[in-house]
C-alpha atoms as a PDB file:
ATOM      1  CA  MET A   1     108.625  84.731  73.585  1.00  0.00           C
ATOM      2  CA  ASN A   2     107.338  85.940  76.891  1.00  0.00           C
ATOM      3  CA  LYS A   3     110.528  86.808  79.751  1.00  0.00           C
ATOM      4  CA  ARG A   4     110.609  85.017  82.801  1.00  0.00           C
ATOM      5  CA  PRO A   5     109.185  87.838  85.604  1.00  0.00           C
ATOM      6  CA  GLU A   6     111.379  89.161  87.835  1.00  0.00           C
ATOM      7  CA  SER A   7     111.906  87.874  91.181  1.00  0.00           C
ATOM      8  CA  PRO A   8     110.615  90.797  93.537  1.00  0.00           C
ATOM      9  CA  THR A   9     112.957  89.842  96.073  1.00  0.00           C
ATOM     10  CA  SER A  10     117.056  89.400  95.829  1.00  0.00           C
ATOM     11  CA  GLY A  11     118.390  86.214  96.441  1.00  0.00           C
ATOM     12  CA  LEU A  12     119.669  85.262  99.956  1.00  0.00           C
ATOM     13  CA  THR A  13     123.282  86.315 101.341  1.00  0.00           C
ATOM     14  CA  TYR A  14     125.592  85.562 103.529  1.00  0.00           C
ATOM     15  CA  ALA A  15     124.218  87.701 106.558  1.00  0.00           C
ATOM     16  CA  ASP A  16     121.069  86.218 105.928  1.00  0.00           C
ATOM     17  CA  ALA A  17     122.401  82.916 106.967  1.00  0.00           C
ATOM     18  CA  GLY A  18     123.638  84.623 110.443  1.00  0.00           C
ATOM     19  CA  VAL A  19     127.327  85.967 109.437  1.00  0.00           C
ATOM     20  CA  ASP A  20     127.315  89.828 109.033  1.00  0.00           C
ATOM     21  CA  ILE A  21     130.833  90.533 106.792  1.00  0.00           C
ATOM     22  CA  GLU A  22     130.776  94.043 107.162  1.00  0.00           C
ATOM     23  CA  ARG A  23     130.227  93.873 111.045  1.00  0.00           C
ATOM     24  CA  ALA A  24     133.374  91.479 111.159  1.00  0.00           C
ATOM     25  CA  ASP A  25     135.112  93.558 109.208  1.00  0.00           C
ATOM     26  CA  ARG A  26     134.453  96.720 111.960  1.00  0.00           C
ATOM     27  CA  ALA A  27     135.806  94.319 114.806  1.00  0.00           C
ATOM     28  CA  LYS A  28     138.922  93.303 112.915  1.00  0.00           C
ATOM     29  CA  ALA A  29     139.529  96.653 111.804  1.00  0.00           C
ATOM     30  CA  GLU A  30     139.681  97.386 115.435  1.00  0.00           C
ATOM     31  CA  ILE A  31     141.990  93.795 116.457  1.00  0.00           C
ATOM     32  CA  LYS A  32     144.790  95.107 114.198  1.00  0.00           C
ATOM     33  CA  ARG A  33     144.571  98.433 115.749  1.00  0.00           C
ATOM     34  CA  LEU A  34     145.398  96.887 119.382  1.00  0.00           C
ATOM     35  CA  ALA A  35     147.345  94.306 118.238  1.00  0.00           C
ATOM     36  CA  ARG A  36     149.918  96.858 116.528  1.00  0.00           C
ATOM     37  CA  SER A  37     150.674  98.345 120.201  1.00  0.00           C
ATOM     38  CA  THR A  38     152.340  94.591 121.062  1.00  0.00           C
ATOM     39  CA  PHE A  39     154.355  94.838 118.308  1.00  0.00           C
ATOM     40  CA  THR A  40     158.276  93.856 119.244  1.00  0.00           C
ATOM     41  CA  ARG A  41     161.178  94.532 117.241  1.00  0.00           C
ATOM     42  CA  GLY A  42     160.614  90.703 116.053  1.00  0.00           C
ATOM     43  CA  VAL A  43     157.299  91.352 113.461  1.00  0.00           C
ATOM     44  CA  VAL A  44     157.544  91.554 110.384  1.00  0.00           C
ATOM     45  CA  GLY A  45     154.749  93.254 108.078  1.00  0.00           C
ATOM     46  CA  ASP A  46     151.470  94.237 109.512  1.00  0.00           C
ATOM     47  CA  ILE A  47     148.159  92.187 110.462  1.00  0.00           C
ATOM     48  CA  GLY A  48     145.982  90.881 107.782  1.00  0.00           C
ATOM     49  CA  SER A  49     148.116  88.621 106.055  1.00  0.00           C
ATOM     50  CA  PHE A  50     147.769  84.896 105.460  1.00  0.00           C
ATOM     51  CA  GLY A  51     150.327  83.828 108.043  1.00  0.00           C
ATOM     52  CA  GLY A  52     152.127  85.941 110.836  1.00  0.00           C
ATOM     53  CA  LEU A  53     155.722  87.154 110.219  1.00  0.00           C
ATOM     54  CA  PHE A  54     158.290  87.101 112.838  1.00  0.00           C
ATOM     55  CA  GLN A  55     162.362  87.684 112.758  1.00  0.00           C
ATOM     56  CA  VAL A  56     163.142  85.090 115.065  1.00  0.00           C
ATOM     57  CA  PRO A  57     166.603  86.408 116.634  1.00  0.00           C
ATOM     58  CA  PHE A  58     168.503  82.973 116.884  1.00  0.00           C
ATOM     59  CA  THR A  59     171.840  85.220 116.269  1.00  0.00           C
ATOM     60  CA  GLN A  60     171.763  85.912 120.285  1.00  0.00           C
ATOM     61  CA  PHE A  61     171.261  82.332 121.282  1.00  0.00           C
ATOM     62  CA  GLU A  62     174.066  79.758 120.764  1.00  0.00           C
ATOM     63  CA  ASP A  63     171.967  76.641 120.173  1.00  0.00           C
ATOM     64  CA  PRO A  64     168.133  77.621 120.331  1.00  0.00           C
ATOM     65  CA  LEU A  65     164.868  75.828 121.011  1.00  0.00           C
ATOM     66  CA  LEU A  66     161.759  76.883 119.900  1.00  0.00           C
ATOM     67  CA  VAL A  67     159.074  76.066 122.626  1.00  0.00           C
ATOM     68  CA  SER A  68     155.568  76.171 121.808  1.00  0.00           C
ATOM     69  CA  SER A  69     152.014  75.370 123.764  1.00  0.00           C
ATOM     70  CA  ALA A  70     148.483  76.138 123.176  1.00  0.00           C
ATOM     71  CA  ASP A  71     145.402  76.297 125.427  1.00  0.00           C
ATOM     72  CA  GLY A  72     142.088  77.485 126.606  1.00  0.00           C
ATOM     73  CA  VAL A  73     140.261  79.489 129.613  1.00  0.00           C
ATOM     74  CA  GLY A  74     138.090  76.360 129.872  1.00  0.00           C
ATOM     75  CA  THR A  75     134.435  76.854 131.708  1.00  0.00           C
ATOM     76  CA  LYS A  76     135.587  80.286 133.476  1.00  0.00           C
ATOM     77  CA  LEU A  77     134.336  81.662 130.667  1.00  0.00           C
ATOM     78  CA  LYS A  78     130.752  81.123 131.365  1.00  0.00           C
ATOM     79  CA  ILE A  79     131.270  83.504 134.093  1.00  0.00           C
ATOM     80  CA  ALA A  80     132.620  85.970 131.798  1.00  0.00           C
ATOM     81  CA  PHE A  81     129.059  85.357 129.712  1.00  0.00           C
ATOM     82  CA  LEU A  82     127.076  85.589 132.939  1.00  0.00           C
ATOM     83  CA  THR A  83     128.717  88.994 134.020  1.00  0.00           C
ATOM     84  CA  GLY A  84     129.207  90.638 130.564  1.00  0.00           C
ATOM     85  CA  VAL A  85     132.622  91.324 131.785  1.00  0.00           C
ATOM     86  CA  HIS A  86     135.085  89.792 128.933  1.00  0.00           C
ATOM     87  CA  HIS A  87     138.461  91.447 129.637  1.00  0.00           C
ATOM     88  CA  THR A  88     139.687  89.360 132.104  1.00  0.00           C
ATOM     89  CA  VAL A  89     139.611  86.070 130.165  1.00  0.00           C
ATOM     90  CA  GLY A  90     141.802  87.762 127.383  1.00  0.00           C
ATOM     91  CA  ILE A  91     144.673  88.271 130.257  1.00  0.00           C
ATOM     92  CA  ASP A  92     144.190  84.280 131.555  1.00  0.00           C
ATOM     93  CA  LEU A  93     144.497  82.947 128.088  1.00  0.00           C
ATOM     94  CA  VAL A  94     147.996  84.678 127.661  1.00  0.00           C
ATOM     95  CA  ALA A  95     148.745  84.068 131.123  1.00  0.00           C
ATOM     96  CA  HIS A  96     148.307  80.379 131.027  1.00  0.00           C
ATOM     97  CA  CYS A  97     150.602  79.606 127.878  1.00  0.00           C
ATOM     98  CA  THR A  98     152.899  81.788 128.903  1.00  0.00           C
ATOM     99  CA  ASN A  99     153.423  80.038 132.458  1.00  0.00           C
ATOM    100  CA  ASP A 100     153.362  76.721 130.060  1.00  0.00           C
ATOM    101  CA  VAL A 101     156.690  77.892 128.420  1.00  0.00           C
ATOM    102  CA  LEU A 102     158.325  79.803 130.745  1.00  0.00           C
ATOM    103  CA  VAL A 103     158.343  76.359 132.887  1.00  0.00           C
ATOM    104  CA  GLN A 104     161.078  75.290 130.317  1.00  0.00           C
ATOM    105  CA  GLY A 105     162.798  78.424 130.450  1.00  0.00           C
ATOM    106  CA  ALA A 106     161.632  79.716 127.004  1.00  0.00           C
ATOM    107  CA  LEU A 107     160.932  83.206 126.791  1.00  0.00           C
ATOM    108  CA  PRO A 108     157.803  84.269 124.593  1.00  0.00           C
ATOM    109  CA  GLN A 109     158.110  85.910 121.351  1.00  0.00           C
ATOM    110  CA  PHE A 110     154.658  85.949 119.675  1.00  0.00           C
ATOM    111  CA  PHE A 111     151.200  84.727 120.514  1.00  0.00           C
ATOM    112  CA  LEU A 112     148.299  84.371 118.105  1.00  0.00           C
ATOM    113  CA  ASP A 113     144.713  83.461 119.162  1.00  0.00           C
ATOM    114  CA  TYR A 114     141.379  81.826 117.820  1.00  0.00           C
ATOM    115  CA  LEU A 115     138.026  83.750 119.071  1.00  0.00           C
ATOM    116  CA  ALA A 116     134.887  81.675 117.855  1.00  0.00           C
ATOM    117  CA  CYS A 117     131.124  82.792 118.105  1.00  0.00           C
ATOM    118  CA  GLY A 118     127.691  82.389 116.861  1.00  0.00           C
ATOM    119  CA  ARG A 119     127.018  85.842 116.055  1.00  0.00           C
ATOM    120  CA  LEU A 120     130.027  88.562 116.568  1.00  0.00           C
ATOM    121  CA  ASP A 121     129.721  91.368 119.034  1.00  0.00           C
ATOM    122  CA  PRO A 122     132.149  94.177 117.964  1.00  0.00           C
ATOM    123  CA  GLY A 123     131.990  95.174 121.749  1.00  0.00           C
ATOM    124  CA  VAL A 124     132.649  91.965 123.265  1.00  0.00           C
ATOM    125  CA  VAL A 125     135.587  91.070 120.669  1.00  0.00           C
ATOM    126  CA  GLN A 126     136.824  94.137 121.398  1.00  0.00           C
ATOM    127  CA  GLN A 127     136.838  93.502 125.307  1.00  0.00           C
ATOM    128  CA  VAL A 128     138.494  89.788 125.097  1.00  0.00           C
ATOM    129  CA  VAL A 129     141.010  91.582 122.398  1.00  0.00           C
ATOM    130  CA  GLU A 130     142.039  94.311 124.655  1.00  0.00           C
ATOM    131  CA  GLY A 131     142.695  91.422 127.603  1.00  0.00           C
ATOM    132  CA  ILE A 132     144.613  89.521 125.196  1.00  0.00           C
ATOM    133  CA  VAL A 133     147.155  92.419 124.368  1.00  0.00           C
ATOM    134  CA  GLU A 134     147.385  93.288 128.226  1.00  0.00           C
ATOM    135  CA  GLY A 135     148.434  89.518 128.665  1.00  0.00           C
ATOM    136  CA  CYS A 136     150.972  89.990 125.509  1.00  0.00           C
ATOM    137  CA  ARG A 137     152.225  93.154 127.047  1.00  0.00           C
ATOM    138  CA  GLN A 138     152.859  91.399 130.375  1.00  0.00           C
ATOM    139  CA  SER A 139     154.548  88.552 128.662  1.00  0.00           C
ATOM    140  CA  ARG A 140     156.624  91.523 126.667  1.00  0.00           C
ATOM    141  CA  CYS A 141     155.253  89.428 123.101  1.00  0.00           C
ATOM    142  CA  ALA A 142     153.904  90.325 119.972  1.00  0.00           C
ATOM    143  CA  LEU A 143     150.122  89.058 119.505  1.00  0.00           C
ATOM    144  CA  LEU A 144     151.018  88.244 115.485  1.00  0.00           C
ATOM    145  CA  GLY A 145     147.538  87.137 114.713  1.00  0.00           C
ATOM    146  CA  GLY A 146     145.060  85.095 114.454  1.00  0.00           C
ATOM    147  CA  GLU A 147     141.585  84.271 113.470  1.00  0.00           C
ATOM    148  CA  THR A 148     138.083  85.537 114.532  1.00  0.00           C
ATOM    149  CA  ALA A 149     135.191  83.293 113.570  1.00  0.00           C
ATOM    150  CA  GLU A 150     131.181  83.657 113.220  1.00  0.00           C
ATOM    151  CA  MET A 151     129.378  80.467 112.913  1.00  0.00           C
ATOM    152  CA  PRO A 152     125.851  80.778 113.064  1.00  0.00           C
ATOM    153  CA  ASP A 153     123.725  78.119 115.148  1.00  0.00           C
ATOM    154  CA  PHE A 154     126.970  76.585 116.384  1.00  0.00           C
ATOM    155  CA  TYR A 155     127.610  78.446 119.751  1.00  0.00           C
ATOM    156  CA  ALA A 156     124.512  79.161 122.301  1.00  0.00           C
ATOM    157  CA  THR A 157     123.547  83.383 121.727  1.00  0.00           C
ATOM    158  CA  GLY A 158     126.108  85.082 123.774  1.00  0.00           C
ATOM    159  CA  GLU A 159     128.635  83.149 124.098  1.00  0.00           C
ATOM    160  CA  TYR A 160     131.875  82.158 122.552  1.00  0.00           C
ATOM    161  CA  ASP A 161     135.423  80.053 122.724  1.00  0.00           C
ATOM    162  CA  LEU A 162     138.923  81.476 122.882  1.00  0.00           C
ATOM    163  CA  ALA A 163     142.171  79.528 122.689  1.00  0.00           C
ATOM    164  CA  GLY A 164     145.802  80.685 122.280  1.00  0.00           C
ATOM    165  CA  PHE A 165     148.905  79.359 120.768  1.00  0.00           C
ATOM    166  CA  ILE A 166     152.289  80.788 121.689  1.00  0.00           C
ATOM    167  CA  VAL A 167     156.250  80.523 120.583  1.00  0.00           C
ATOM    168  CA  GLY A 168     159.039  80.920 122.978  1.00  0.00           C
ATOM    169  CA  LEU A 169     162.465  80.523 123.007  1.00  0.00           C
ATOM    170  CA  VAL A 170     165.634  78.764 125.097  1.00  0.00           C
ATOM    171  CA  GLU A 171     168.787  78.278 124.946  1.00  0.00           C
ATOM    172  CA  ARG A 172     169.412  74.653 124.808  1.00  0.00           C
ATOM    173  CA  ARG A 173     171.485  74.841 128.109  1.00  0.00           C
ATOM    174  CA  ARG A 174     169.006  76.604 130.293  1.00  0.00           C
ATOM    175  CA  LEU A 175     166.389  74.220 129.285  1.00  0.00           C
ATOM    176  CA  LEU A 176     164.533  73.573 132.356  1.00  0.00           C
ATOM    177  CA  GLY A 177     162.901  70.135 133.554  1.00  0.00           C
ATOM    178  CA  ALA A 178     162.672  66.588 134.727  1.00  0.00           C
ATOM    179  CA  ASP A 179     166.636  65.569 133.347  1.00  0.00           C
ATOM    180  CA  ARG A 180     167.761  68.556 136.003  1.00  0.00           C
ATOM    181  CA  VAL A 181     166.172  67.847 138.969  1.00  0.00           C
ATOM    182  CA  ARG A 182     168.037  65.987 141.644  1.00  0.00           C
ATOM    183  CA  ALA A 183     167.360  64.098 145.441  1.00  0.00           C
ATOM    184  CA  GLY A 184     167.956  66.842 147.718  1.00  0.00           C
ATOM    185  CA  ASP A 185     166.370  69.635 145.566  1.00  0.00           C
ATOM    186  CA  VAL A 186     164.044  72.547 147.658  1.00  0.00           C
ATOM    187  CA  LEU A 187     160.229  73.165 146.863  1.00  0.00           C
ATOM    188  CA  ILE A 188     159.501  76.601 146.716  1.00  0.00           C
ATOM    189  CA  GLY A 189     156.002  77.578 146.039  1.00  0.00           C
ATOM    190  CA  LEU A 190     154.867  80.693 144.450  1.00  0.00           C
ATOM    191  CA  ARG A 191     151.152  82.486 145.219  1.00  0.00           C
ATOM    192  CA  SER A 192     148.912  82.013 142.948  1.00  0.00           C
ATOM    193  CA  THR A 193     145.761  84.638 142.070  1.00  0.00           C
ATOM    194  CA  GLY A 194     142.760  82.478 143.182  1.00  0.00           C
ATOM    195  CA  LEU A 195     141.635  79.996 140.994  1.00  0.00           C
ATOM    196  CA  HIS A 196     143.669  80.736 138.112  1.00  0.00           C
ATOM    197  CA  THR A 197     141.549  78.882 134.919  1.00  0.00           C
ATOM    198  CA  ASN A 198     141.022  75.500 136.609  1.00  0.00           C
ATOM    199  CA  GLY A 199     138.015  73.868 138.474  1.00  0.00           C
ATOM    200  CA  TYR A 200     135.181  76.098 137.174  1.00  0.00           C
ATOM    201  CA  SER A 201     132.800  73.335 136.544  1.00  0.00           C
ATOM    202  CA  LEU A 202     133.269  72.041 140.104  1.00  0.00           C
ATOM    203  CA  VAL A 203     132.772  75.806 141.154  1.00  0.00           C
ATOM    204  CA  ARG A 204     130.024  76.668 138.949  1.00  0.00           C
ATOM    205  CA  LYS A 205     127.757  73.452 140.179  1.00  0.00           C
ATOM    206  CA  LEU A 206     128.361  74.660 143.784  1.00  0.00           C
ATOM    207  CA  PHE A 207     127.925  78.196 143.971  1.00  0.00           C
ATOM    208  CA  LEU A 208     125.499  78.585 141.041  1.00  0.00           C
ATOM    209  CA  GLU A 209     123.625  75.232 140.886  1.00  0.00           C
ATOM    210  CA  VAL A 210     123.510  73.946 144.722  1.00  0.00           C
ATOM    211  CA  GLU A 211     124.313  77.161 146.507  1.00  0.00           C
ATOM    212  CA  LYS A 212     122.527  79.398 143.978  1.00  0.00           C
ATOM    213  CA  ILE A 213     124.752  82.889 144.983  1.00  0.00           C
ATOM    214  CA  PRO A 214     124.240  85.304 142.783  1.00  0.00           C
ATOM    215  CA  LEU A 215     127.425  86.541 141.291  1.00  0.00           C
ATOM    216  CA  ASP A 216     127.072  90.192 142.481  1.00  0.00           C
ATOM    217  CA  ARG A 217     126.664  88.865 146.126  1.00  0.00           C
ATOM    218  CA  HIS A 218     129.322  90.257 148.407  1.00  0.00           C
ATOM    219  CA  LEU A 219     130.837  87.564 150.197  1.00  0.00           C
ATOM    220  CA  PRO A 220     132.556  88.357 153.967  1.00  0.00           C
ATOM    221  CA  GLU A 221     134.756  85.423 153.467  1.00  0.00           C
ATOM    222  CA  LEU A 222     136.195  86.704 150.328  1.00  0.00           C
ATOM    223  CA  GLY A 223     136.192  89.983 150.804  1.00  0.00           C
ATOM    224  CA  ARG A 224     134.521  91.150 147.448  1.00  0.00           C
ATOM    225  CA  THR A 225     131.251  90.136 145.172  1.00  0.00           C
ATOM    226  CA  LEU A 226     131.369  86.279 144.068  1.00  0.00           C
ATOM    227  CA  ALA A 227     131.895  87.219 140.349  1.00  0.00           C
ATOM    228  CA  GLU A 228     135.300  89.470 141.152  1.00  0.00           C
ATOM    229  CA  GLU A 229     136.617  86.153 143.055  1.00  0.00           C
ATOM    230  CA  LEU A 230     135.915  84.294 140.065  1.00  0.00           C
ATOM    231  CA  LEU A 231     136.634  86.646 137.138  1.00  0.00           C
ATOM    232  CA  GLU A 232     140.510  87.457 138.952  1.00  0.00           C
ATOM    233  CA  PRO A 233     142.964  86.739 136.197  1.00  0.00           C
ATOM    234  CA  HIS A 234     145.644  84.001 136.184  1.00  0.00           C
ATOM    235  CA  ARG A 235     148.666  84.983 137.233  1.00  0.00           C
ATOM    236  CA  ASN A 236     151.441  85.652 134.663  1.00  0.00           C
ATOM    237  CA  TYR A 237     154.713  84.600 136.221  1.00  0.00           C
ATOM    238  CA  LEU A 238     157.270  86.001 133.244  1.00  0.00           C
ATOM    239  CA  PRO A 239     157.574  89.476 134.778  1.00  0.00           C
ATOM    240  CA  LEU A 240     158.811  87.671 138.167  1.00  0.00           C
ATOM    241  CA  LEU A 241     160.921  85.082 136.899  1.00  0.00           C
ATOM    242  CA  GLU A 242     162.237  85.898 133.587  1.00  0.00           C
ATOM    243  CA  HIS A 243     165.838  86.757 135.007  1.00  0.00           C
ATOM    244  CA  LEU A 244     165.945  83.827 137.361  1.00  0.00           C
ATOM    245  CA  VAL A 245     165.168  81.378 134.198  1.00  0.00           C
ATOM    246  CA  GLN A 246     168.498  82.737 132.498  1.00  0.00           C
ATOM    247  CA  THR A 247     170.600  81.119 135.552  1.00  0.00           C
ATOM    248  CA  ASP A 248     171.741  78.564 136.774  1.00  0.00           C
ATOM    249  CA  ASP A 249     169.490  78.193 140.209  1.00  0.00           C
ATOM    250  CA  LEU A 250     166.592  76.500 139.050  1.00  0.00           C
ATOM    251  CA  HIS A 251     166.437  73.237 137.915  1.00  0.00           C
ATOM    252  CA  ALA A 252     162.680  73.193 137.009  1.00  0.00           C
ATOM    253  CA  LEU A 253     159.320  74.592 137.330  1.00  0.00           C
ATOM    254  CA  ALA A 254     156.128  73.252 137.789  1.00  0.00           C
ATOM    255  CA  HIS A 255     152.772  75.588 136.512  1.00  0.00           C
ATOM    256  CA  VAL A 256     150.157  74.268 139.003  1.00  0.00           C
ATOM    257  CA  THR A 257     146.985  74.107 136.477  1.00  0.00           C
ATOM    258  CA  GLY A 258     144.150  71.040 136.196  1.00  0.00           C
ATOM    259  CA  GLY A 259     145.230  67.999 138.350  1.00  0.00           C
ATOM    260  CA  GLY A 260     146.505  70.598 141.119  1.00  0.00           C
ATOM    261  CA  ILE A 261     149.751  70.253 142.491  1.00  0.00           C
ATOM    262  CA  PRO A 262     150.078  66.333 142.656  1.00  0.00           C
ATOM    263  CA  GLY A 263     149.271  66.208 138.944  1.00  0.00           C
ATOM    264  CA  ASN A 264     151.733  68.716 137.538  1.00  0.00           C
ATOM    265  CA  LEU A 265     154.535  68.814 139.876  1.00  0.00           C
ATOM    266  CA  ASN A 266     155.119  65.012 139.257  1.00  0.00           C
ATOM    267  CA  ARG A 267     155.323  66.255 135.465  1.00  0.00           C
ATOM    268  CA  VAL A 268     159.088  67.383 136.455  1.00  0.00           C
ATOM    269  CA  LEU A 269     160.069  64.569 138.548  1.00  0.00           C
ATOM    270  CA  GLY A 270     162.070  61.365 137.270  1.00  0.00           C
ATOM    271  CA  PRO A 271     160.998  57.643 137.968  1.00  0.00           C
ATOM    272  CA  GLU A 272     163.088  57.098 140.739  1.00  0.00           C
ATOM    273  CA  LEU A 273     162.376  60.349 142.728  1.00  0.00           C
ATOM    274  CA  ASP A 274     159.214  62.020 145.100  1.00  0.00           C
ATOM    275  CA  ALA A 275     158.166  64.779 145.859  1.00  0.00           C
ATOM    276  CA  LEU A 276     157.653  65.644 149.678  1.00  0.00           C
ATOM    277  CA  VAL A 277     155.450  68.317 150.076  1.00  0.00           C
ATOM    278  CA  GLU A 278     154.181  69.698 153.506  1.00  0.00           C
ATOM    279  CA  ARG A 279     151.209  70.232 154.503  1.00  0.00           C
ATOM    280  CA  GLY A 280     150.681  73.370 156.212  1.00  0.00           C
ATOM    281  CA  SER A 281     153.501  75.053 155.100  1.00  0.00           C
ATOM    282  CA  TRP A 282     151.791  77.672 152.971  1.00  0.00           C
ATOM    283  CA  GLU A 283     148.588  79.734 153.544  1.00  0.00           C
ATOM    284  CA  ILE A 284     145.544  78.354 151.621  1.00  0.00           C
ATOM    285  CA  PRO A 285     143.442  81.464 150.530  1.00  0.00           C
ATOM    286  CA  PRO A 286     140.040  82.193 151.894  1.00  0.00           C
ATOM    287  CA  VAL A 287     138.162  80.692 148.456  1.00  0.00           C
ATOM    288  CA  PHE A 288     139.441  77.526 148.472  1.00  0.00           C
ATOM    289  CA  LEU A 289     138.649  76.867 151.832  1.00  0.00           C
ATOM    290  CA  LEU A 290     135.319  78.122 151.248  1.00  0.00           C
ATOM    291  CA  ILE A 291     134.879  75.553 148.518  1.00  0.00           C
ATOM    292  CA  ARG A 292     135.850  73.136 150.362  1.00  0.00           C
ATOM    293  CA  GLU A 293     133.247  73.690 153.032  1.00  0.00           C
ATOM    294  CA  ARG A 294     130.421  74.837 151.453  1.00  0.00           C
ATOM    295  CA  GLY A 295     130.581  71.842 149.125  1.00  0.00           C
ATOM    296  CA  LYS A 296     132.081  69.236 151.896  1.00  0.00           C
ATOM    297  CA  ILE A 297     134.791  68.333 149.502  1.00  0.00           C
ATOM    298  CA  GLU A 298     137.404  65.776 150.720  1.00  0.00           C
ATOM    299  CA  ASP A 299     141.006  67.289 150.738  1.00  0.00           C
ATOM    300  CA  ARG A 300     141.896  64.708 147.724  1.00  0.00           C
ATOM    301  CA  GLU A 301     139.267  66.077 145.511  1.00  0.00           C
ATOM    302  CA  MET A 302     140.269  69.351 146.349  1.00  0.00           C
ATOM    303  CA  PHE A 303     144.015  69.153 145.581  1.00  0.00           C
ATOM    304  CA  ARG A 304     143.355  67.241 142.577  1.00  0.00           C
ATOM    305  CA  THR A 305     140.993  69.919 140.842  1.00  0.00           C
ATOM    306  CA  PHE A 306     142.793  73.435 142.219  1.00  0.00           C
ATOM    307  CA  ASN A 307     146.196  74.549 142.865  1.00  0.00           C
ATOM    308  CA  MET A 308     145.115  75.475 146.486  1.00  0.00           C
ATOM    309  CA  GLY A 309     147.214  79.104 146.407  1.00  0.00           C
ATOM    310  CA  LEU A 310     150.029  77.949 144.709  1.00  0.00           C
ATOM    311  CA  GLY A 311     150.234  78.744 141.100  1.00  0.00           C
ATOM    312  CA  MET A 312     154.047  77.991 140.417  1.00  0.00           C
ATOM    313  CA  ILE A 313     156.586  75.711 142.188  1.00  0.00           C
ATOM    314  CA  LEU A 314     160.313  75.860 141.665  1.00  0.00           C
ATOM    315  CA  VAL A 315     162.802  73.335 141.995  1.00  0.00           C
ATOM    316  CA  ALA A 316     165.948  74.361 142.891  1.00  0.00           C
ATOM    317  CA  ALA A 317     169.410  72.774 144.037  1.00  0.00           C
ATOM    318  CA  ARG A 318     169.808  72.802 148.144  1.00  0.00           C
ATOM    319  CA  GLU A 319     173.015  74.674 147.099  1.00  0.00           C
ATOM    320  CA  ARG A 320     171.187  77.418 145.321  1.00  0.00           C
ATOM    321  CA  ALA A 321     167.782  77.282 147.302  1.00  0.00           C
ATOM    322  CA  ALA A 322     169.033  80.285 149.163  1.00  0.00           C
ATOM    323  CA  ARG A 323     170.497  82.448 146.439  1.00  0.00           C
ATOM    324  CA  VAL A 324     166.839  81.673 145.024  1.00  0.00           C
ATOM    325  CA  GLU A 325     165.037  82.842 148.000  1.00  0.00           C
ATOM    326  CA  GLU A 326     167.376  86.075 148.443  1.00  0.00           C
ATOM    327  CA  PHE A 327     166.300  86.881 144.671  1.00  0.00           C
ATOM    328  CA  LEU A 328     162.324  86.782 145.499  1.00  0.00           C
ATOM    329  CA  GLN A 329     162.917  88.796 148.723  1.00  0.00           C
ATOM    330  CA  ARG A 330     164.401  91.536 146.665  1.00  0.00           C
ATOM    331  CA  GLN A 331     161.148  91.325 144.351  1.00  0.00           C
ATOM    332  CA  GLY A 332     159.010  91.580 147.482  1.00  0.00           C
ATOM    333  CA  GLU A 333     157.481  88.462 146.473  1.00  0.00           C
ATOM    334  CA  ALA A 334     156.008  86.196 148.990  1.00  0.00           C
ATOM    335  CA  TYR A 335     156.939  82.625 148.929  1.00  0.00           C
ATOM    336  CA  PHE A 336     156.695  78.979 151.088  1.00  0.00           C
ATOM    337  CA  VAL A 337     159.742  76.714 151.147  1.00  0.00           C
ATOM    338  CA  LEU A 338     157.496  73.197 150.705  1.00  0.00           C
ATOM    339  CA  GLY A 339     159.391  70.404 150.630  1.00  0.00           C
ATOM    340  CA  GLU A 340     162.256  68.649 149.184  1.00  0.00           C
ATOM    341  CA  VAL A 341     162.868  66.204 146.502  1.00  0.00           C
ATOM    342  CA  VAL A 342     163.743  62.730 147.743  1.00  0.00           C
ATOM    343  CA  PRO A 343     164.269  58.845 145.932  1.00  0.00           C
ATOM    344  CA  GLY A 344     161.609  57.620 145.278  1.00  0.00           C
ATOM    345  CA  GLU A 345     158.504  55.937 142.366  1.00  0.00           C
ATOM    346  CA  GLY A 346     157.886  59.378 140.495  1.00  0.00           C
ATOM    347  CA  ARG A 347     154.991  60.432 143.021  1.00  0.00           C
ATOM    348  CA  VAL A 348     153.881  64.026 144.843  1.00  0.00           C
ATOM    349  CA  ILE A 349     152.928  62.866 148.427  1.00  0.00           C
ATOM    350  CA  ILE A 350     151.754  65.909 150.499  1.00  0.00           C
ATOM    351  CA  GLN A 351     152.389  65.232 154.136  1.00  0.00           C
END
């Protein structure tokens, strides 16, 4: 019986299909090293198991509630792809998620990330994770785990997607939100650091397609390059507000993201209340003025797309507002008294 001749080539491998397991393992080893630098006392075990373990400090609470949130960075990632600067989007990711649980009075405990790409580039992954780690340090929470997925032909070359998941804790009696807001409450605004992570589809259309402005061009109106402005990290308000949310001085917080002031401040209003916001009560940063001017964009569109310079709005009882202002002054924080809550129909009125 004749023997079948041996094939001159070996069989297909995962690497032939575009997934390099050894390269991925090297990247994951660096991720583990970075993640360990964020570990808090609650972390149990190490990175690398199928699930992250965390000992929740329930004994420090009388009636604790878990608060969770998930988000991404949106098309701001396109600016990272074009510039090769990837660490700021990691900061953005954690800051956005942190602010979303902070508005309910919760303090972050741990964070997980999801990074997916067509071809895993260890240098890019390291930059992104370094940003996530910096964000976790700002939020005083642990990077407990995550997923790095390499999916050939699914993403364009040099592109990736990024998402994050956070879990925080709040004492039930400290829970902030619409149930506590009353007519007469004072609205206090805190500065954003620019666009944060919203409105980038419009901004890219305007600056990169219509105006065709190179990202490395210095714009006098901004005092820096377009890329530096667009990659400015989303502000994390936890370091400023961590102690304030654990007092009785606040009724609610509104994180101003997609939908702008009208689409986020209304989330802390009951159906029988309106928020009156005085136009001109705060200083609108140059980037928004530039967008409005270059794009000939109507005010209504600007206010429902961008934060317009206010990244967080505090809602305080009138009798406690002075205490809140004193707190912010001690922190050296600039703030704006924007208006008040009045009887109404659940609307935000910018007048």
